[in-house]
Amino acid sequence: MTEEKKKEIALTFLTALQTRNAAELRSVLTDDAVWSLPGTSAVGGEAKGAEAVVAKGQFLGSHGVNFALLHVLYGWKDVAIMLHNTGQHGDKILDEYLTSILSLREEKIQRIDTYISDVPMLDRFAGA
């Protein structure tokens, strides 16, 4: 797979999160996709299956998370995105950096592993 195709998949994923477009997000996920996030909040742990991944993305969007792309990083078979996420939900503030590794299979995302700079902040923001 070319770097351009990897970037297209990553940007479609990110755009779907930003716009809360469930259909667009589903279009780049395998049916058995998994998304892991650290922490004990409502978004912590693993979402298993495309619908659970979409629900996790919808939760983040409904809590006012802004996803700002810093870099797209390319691996041998996979792609990663570095983001600066910010948001405010009531009196809770989010301001963190993260990297999501997008493991690909047949030009779709089969697994997302997210690494976060401030897990306690995410837990507070998302309601741990």
Protein backbone atom coordinates (compact mmCIF):
# COMPACT_ATOMS: atom_id res chain seq x y z
CA MET A 1 0.00 0.00 0.00
CA THR A 2 1.33 3.44 -0.88
CA GLU A 3 1.94 6.21 1.62
CA GLU A 4 -0.74 8.26 -0.16
CA LYS A 5 -3.35 5.53 0.41
CA LYS A 6 -2.32 5.21 4.06
CA LYS A 7 -2.65 8.97 4.47
CA GLU A 8 -6.07 8.94 2.80
CA ILE A 9 -7.30 6.29 5.25
CA ALA A 10 -5.87 8.18 8.25
CA LEU A 11 -7.36 11.49 7.15
CA THR A 12 -10.75 9.91 6.47
CA PHE A 13 -10.68 8.48 10.01
CA LEU A 14 -9.76 11.87 11.47
CA THR A 15 -12.28 13.83 9.39
CA ALA A 16 -15.04 11.41 10.39
CA LEU A 17 -14.16 11.96 14.06
CA GLN A 18 -14.08 15.74 13.62
CA THR A 19 -17.44 15.85 11.83
CA ARG A 20 -19.05 12.99 13.81
CA ASN A 21 -19.83 11.25 10.54
CA ALA A 22 -20.57 7.67 11.60
CA ALA A 23 -21.01 6.38 8.03
CA GLU A 24 -17.68 7.83 6.93
CA LEU A 25 -15.95 6.37 9.98
CA ARG A 26 -17.48 2.94 9.35
CA SER A 27 -16.24 3.11 5.73
CA VAL A 28 -12.58 2.86 6.84
CA LEU A 29 -13.06 0.22 9.56
CA THR A 30 -13.02 -3.55 9.32
CA ASP A 31 -16.06 -5.20 10.93
CA ASP A 32 -13.83 -6.52 13.72
CA ALA A 33 -11.98 -3.24 14.33
CA VAL A 34 -10.69 -2.54 17.85
CA TRP A 35 -9.82 0.84 19.43
CA SER A 36 -7.82 0.93 22.67
CA LEU A 37 -7.42 4.01 24.85
CA PRO A 38 -5.72 4.12 28.24
CA GLY A 39 -7.49 5.08 31.43
CA THR A 40 -10.61 4.29 33.41
CA SER A 41 -13.03 6.79 31.88
CA ALA A 42 -16.00 6.01 29.64
CA VAL A 43 -13.59 5.93 26.66
CA GLY A 44 -10.84 3.94 28.38
CA GLY A 45 -10.27 0.30 27.48
CA GLU A 46 -11.02 -1.47 24.22
CA ALA A 47 -13.96 -0.87 21.91
CA LYS A 48 -14.43 -4.11 19.96
CA GLY A 49 -16.20 -4.13 16.61
CA ALA A 50 -16.87 -1.33 14.13
CA GLU A 51 -20.03 -0.18 15.91
CA ALA A 52 -18.23 0.09 19.27
CA VAL A 53 -15.40 2.06 17.61
CA VAL A 54 -17.95 4.42 16.03
CA ALA A 55 -19.64 4.85 19.43
CA LYS A 56 -16.30 5.76 21.05
CA GLY A 57 -15.70 8.37 18.34
CA GLN A 58 -19.22 9.75 18.74
CA PHE A 59 -18.71 10.01 22.52
CA LEU A 60 -15.54 12.05 22.06
CA GLY A 61 -17.22 14.31 19.52
CA SER A 62 -20.29 14.84 21.69
CA HIS A 63 -18.00 15.95 24.51
CA GLY A 64 -16.58 18.73 22.35
CA VAL A 65 -13.16 17.24 21.60
CA ASN A 66 -11.28 19.13 18.88
CA PHE A 67 -8.85 16.92 16.96
CA ALA A 68 -5.90 18.90 15.55
CA LEU A 69 -3.57 16.95 13.25
CA LEU A 70 0.14 17.51 13.88
CA HIS A 71 1.71 14.77 11.74
CA VAL A 72 0.99 11.65 9.73
CA LEU A 73 3.65 8.97 10.33
CA TYR A 74 4.21 5.99 8.03
CA GLY A 75 5.19 2.47 8.94
CA TRP A 76 5.99 -0.52 6.78
CA LYS A 77 2.36 -1.65 6.64
CA ASP A 78 0.53 0.79 8.90
CA VAL A 79 0.11 4.50 9.61
CA ALA A 80 -0.04 6.72 12.71
CA ILE A 81 -1.42 10.16 13.43
CA MET A 82 -0.08 12.60 16.00
CA LEU A 83 -2.76 14.91 17.37
CA HIS A 84 -3.27 17.75 19.80
CA ASN A 85 -6.72 17.27 21.30
CA THR A 86 -8.44 20.07 23.16
CA GLY A 87 -11.91 20.59 24.48
CA GLN A 88 -14.18 21.82 27.21
CA HIS A 89 -17.15 19.90 28.57
CA GLY A 90 -18.81 21.82 31.39
CA ASP A 91 -16.01 22.76 33.75
CA LYS A 92 -13.72 20.00 32.50
CA ILE A 93 -10.79 20.90 30.25
CA LEU A 94 -8.89 18.68 27.81
CA ASP A 95 -5.48 19.68 26.44
CA GLU A 96 -3.35 16.69 25.50
CA TYR A 97 -1.09 15.24 22.86
CA LEU A 98 -1.53 11.76 21.50
CA THR A 99 -0.52 9.29 18.86
CA SER A 100 -2.90 6.76 17.37
CA ILE A 101 -1.39 3.79 15.56
CA LEU A 102 -3.74 2.64 12.81
CA SER A 103 -3.09 -1.01 11.96
CA LEU A 104 -4.39 -1.72 8.47
CA ARG A 105 -5.81 -4.76 6.73
CA GLU A 106 -7.00 -4.67 3.12
CA GLU A 107 -7.05 -0.85 3.04
CA LYS A 108 -9.14 -0.54 6.20
CA ILE A 109 -8.35 0.05 9.87
CA GLN A 110 -8.38 -3.17 11.87
CA ARG A 111 -6.95 -1.75 15.10
CA ILE A 112 -6.34 1.66 16.65
CA ASP A 113 -4.00 1.92 19.63
CA THR A 114 -3.96 5.39 21.15
CA TYR A 115 -1.16 6.67 23.40
CA ILE A 116 -1.99 9.77 25.46
CA SER A 117 0.22 12.34 27.18
CA ASP A 118 -2.07 12.92 30.19
CA VAL A 119 -4.29 9.96 31.06
CA PRO A 120 -5.63 11.45 34.35
CA MET A 121 -6.76 14.55 32.43
CA LEU A 122 -8.64 12.37 29.93
CA ASP A 123 -10.20 10.39 32.78
CA ARG A 124 -11.45 13.60 34.42
CA PHE A 125 -12.69 15.00 31.11
CA ALA A 126 -14.51 11.83 30.03
CA GLY A 127 -15.92 11.04 33.43
CA ALA A 128 -13.80 8.46 35.23
